[in-house]
């Protein structure tokens, strides 16, 4: 029985069942229902207005304007954040959000791997 459990756990690990990754960068929300994360590897679409389904766990993102935040368009803008997510690298999309942590703006500003937010 013990051997069967070990084999099952190894098989599960080999399939990538825990495909979560941490991505940190500029979390942008320039207009209603448009969200993306720009990190050192590029832009990751979280959701777009009229673009279909929002990712599982979108509710993990709080009201970012209550933290260190830059307002660019009325109630919209950007923040610096780290997120534990599942992605579709081919599509450049975030499929699920498991955790969210808002960071000081200075952390992203001082990261030479990040381009300035637009």
Protein backbone atom coordinates (compact mmCIF):
# COMPACT_ATOMS: atom_id res chain seq x y z
CA UNK A 1 0.00 0.00 0.00
CA UNK A 2 2.80 2.40 0.92
CA UNK A 3 4.56 1.70 -2.37
CA UNK A 4 1.35 2.37 -4.33
CA UNK A 5 0.92 5.73 -2.58
CA UNK A 6 4.52 6.74 -3.35
CA UNK A 7 4.05 5.78 -7.01
CA UNK A 8 0.81 7.76 -7.19
CA UNK A 9 2.48 10.85 -5.69
CA UNK A 10 5.40 10.60 -8.10
CA UNK A 11 3.02 10.28 -11.05
CA UNK A 12 1.07 13.30 -9.86
CA UNK A 13 4.25 15.36 -9.54
CA UNK A 14 5.36 14.34 -13.02
CA UNK A 15 2.11 15.59 -14.56
CA UNK A 16 2.65 19.11 -13.23
CA UNK A 17 -0.44 19.07 -11.06
CA UNK A 18 0.96 22.02 -9.10
CA UNK A 19 1.63 24.39 -11.98
CA UNK A 20 1.50 27.53 -9.87
CA UNK A 21 4.18 30.14 -10.34
CA UNK A 22 4.92 33.48 -8.76
CA UNK A 23 4.93 36.49 -11.07
CA UNK A 24 5.80 40.00 -9.92
CA UNK A 25 5.54 43.29 -11.74
CA UNK A 26 3.19 46.09 -12.72
CA UNK A 27 -0.47 45.21 -12.19
CA UNK A 28 -2.39 47.46 -14.55
CA UNK A 29 -6.10 48.29 -14.54
CA UNK A 30 -6.40 51.24 -16.94
CA UNK A 31 -10.14 50.99 -17.62
CA UNK A 32 -13.13 48.91 -16.41
CA UNK A 33 -12.59 45.13 -16.57
CA UNK A 34 -9.16 45.44 -18.22
CA UNK A 35 -6.38 43.89 -16.14
CA UNK A 36 -2.89 42.67 -16.97
CA UNK A 37 0.45 42.05 -15.29
CA UNK A 38 3.71 43.20 -16.88
CA UNK A 39 6.68 41.26 -15.50
CA UNK A 40 10.24 40.62 -16.63
CA UNK A 41 9.02 38.07 -19.20
CA UNK A 42 6.29 40.17 -20.82
CA UNK A 43 2.62 41.00 -20.51
CA UNK A 44 0.15 38.55 -18.97
CA UNK A 45 -3.52 39.22 -19.69
CA UNK A 46 -5.73 38.70 -16.68
CA UNK A 47 -8.98 39.82 -18.28
CA UNK A 48 -10.28 42.21 -20.92
CA UNK A 49 -13.63 43.94 -21.14
CA UNK A 50 -15.88 41.84 -23.36
CA UNK A 51 -13.05 39.34 -23.79
CA UNK A 52 -14.69 36.36 -22.20
CA UNK A 53 -14.08 34.55 -18.97
CA UNK A 54 -12.26 36.02 -15.99
CA UNK A 55 -9.65 33.82 -14.32
CA UNK A 56 -10.48 31.67 -11.32
CA UNK A 57 -9.57 33.53 -8.15
CA UNK A 58 -9.93 37.06 -9.58
CA UNK A 59 -11.46 38.00 -6.23
CA UNK A 60 -7.99 37.59 -4.68
CA UNK A 61 -7.12 41.00 -6.12
CA UNK A 62 -8.39 43.60 -3.64
CA UNK A 63 -9.12 47.26 -4.32
CA UNK A 64 -5.56 48.19 -5.30
CA UNK A 65 -6.28 51.89 -4.84
CA UNK A 66 -6.25 51.29 -1.07
CA UNK A 67 -2.53 50.41 -1.23
CA UNK A 68 0.49 52.03 -2.89
CA UNK A 69 -1.07 52.92 -6.23
CA UNK A 70 -0.80 55.33 -9.17
CA UNK A 71 -4.07 56.75 -10.47
CA UNK A 72 -4.00 57.33 -14.24
CA UNK A 73 -7.62 57.48 -15.39
CA UNK A 74 -10.32 58.42 -12.90
CA UNK A 75 -10.55 55.43 -10.55
CA UNK A 76 -8.13 53.35 -12.62
CA UNK A 77 -4.37 52.98 -12.60
CA UNK A 78 -1.58 50.61 -11.63
CA UNK A 79 0.24 49.08 -8.69
CA UNK A 80 3.22 46.83 -8.05
CA UNK A 81 2.31 43.27 -7.08
CA UNK A 82 3.31 39.63 -6.78
CA UNK A 83 0.78 36.97 -7.66
CA UNK A 84 0.80 33.20 -7.42
CA UNK A 85 -0.88 32.15 -10.65
CA UNK A 86 -1.41 29.50 -13.26
CA UNK A 87 -0.68 30.67 -16.78
CA UNK A 88 -1.06 29.72 -20.42
CA UNK A 89 2.35 30.82 -21.70
CA UNK A 90 1.36 30.30 -25.34
CA UNK A 91 -1.55 32.71 -24.97
CA UNK A 92 0.14 35.00 -22.45
CA UNK A 93 -2.86 34.64 -20.14
CA UNK A 94 -3.32 34.18 -16.43
CA UNK A 95 -5.80 31.34 -15.96
CA UNK A 96 -6.06 31.27 -12.16
CA UNK A 97 -4.97 33.45 -9.26
CA UNK A 98 -4.12 31.68 -6.01
CA UNK A 99 -2.55 34.51 -4.01
CA UNK A 100 -1.97 38.24 -4.32
CA UNK A 101 0.37 40.63 -2.53
CA UNK A 102 0.55 44.34 -3.30
CA UNK A 103 4.04 45.82 -3.01
CA UNK A 104 5.40 49.35 -2.71
CA UNK A 105 5.54 51.13 -6.08
CA UNK A 106 9.26 51.72 -5.47
CA UNK A 107 9.91 47.99 -5.64
CA UNK A 108 8.81 47.83 -9.28
CA UNK A 109 10.34 51.22 -10.11
CA UNK A 110 13.72 49.96 -8.88
CA UNK A 111 13.54 46.64 -10.74
CA UNK A 112 15.68 47.05 -13.87
CA UNK A 113 14.01 43.98 -15.43
CA UNK A 114 10.67 45.85 -15.61
CA UNK A 115 9.69 48.45 -18.17
CA UNK A 116 7.82 51.51 -16.94
CA UNK A 117 4.03 51.05 -16.95
CA UNK A 118 2.14 52.66 -19.81
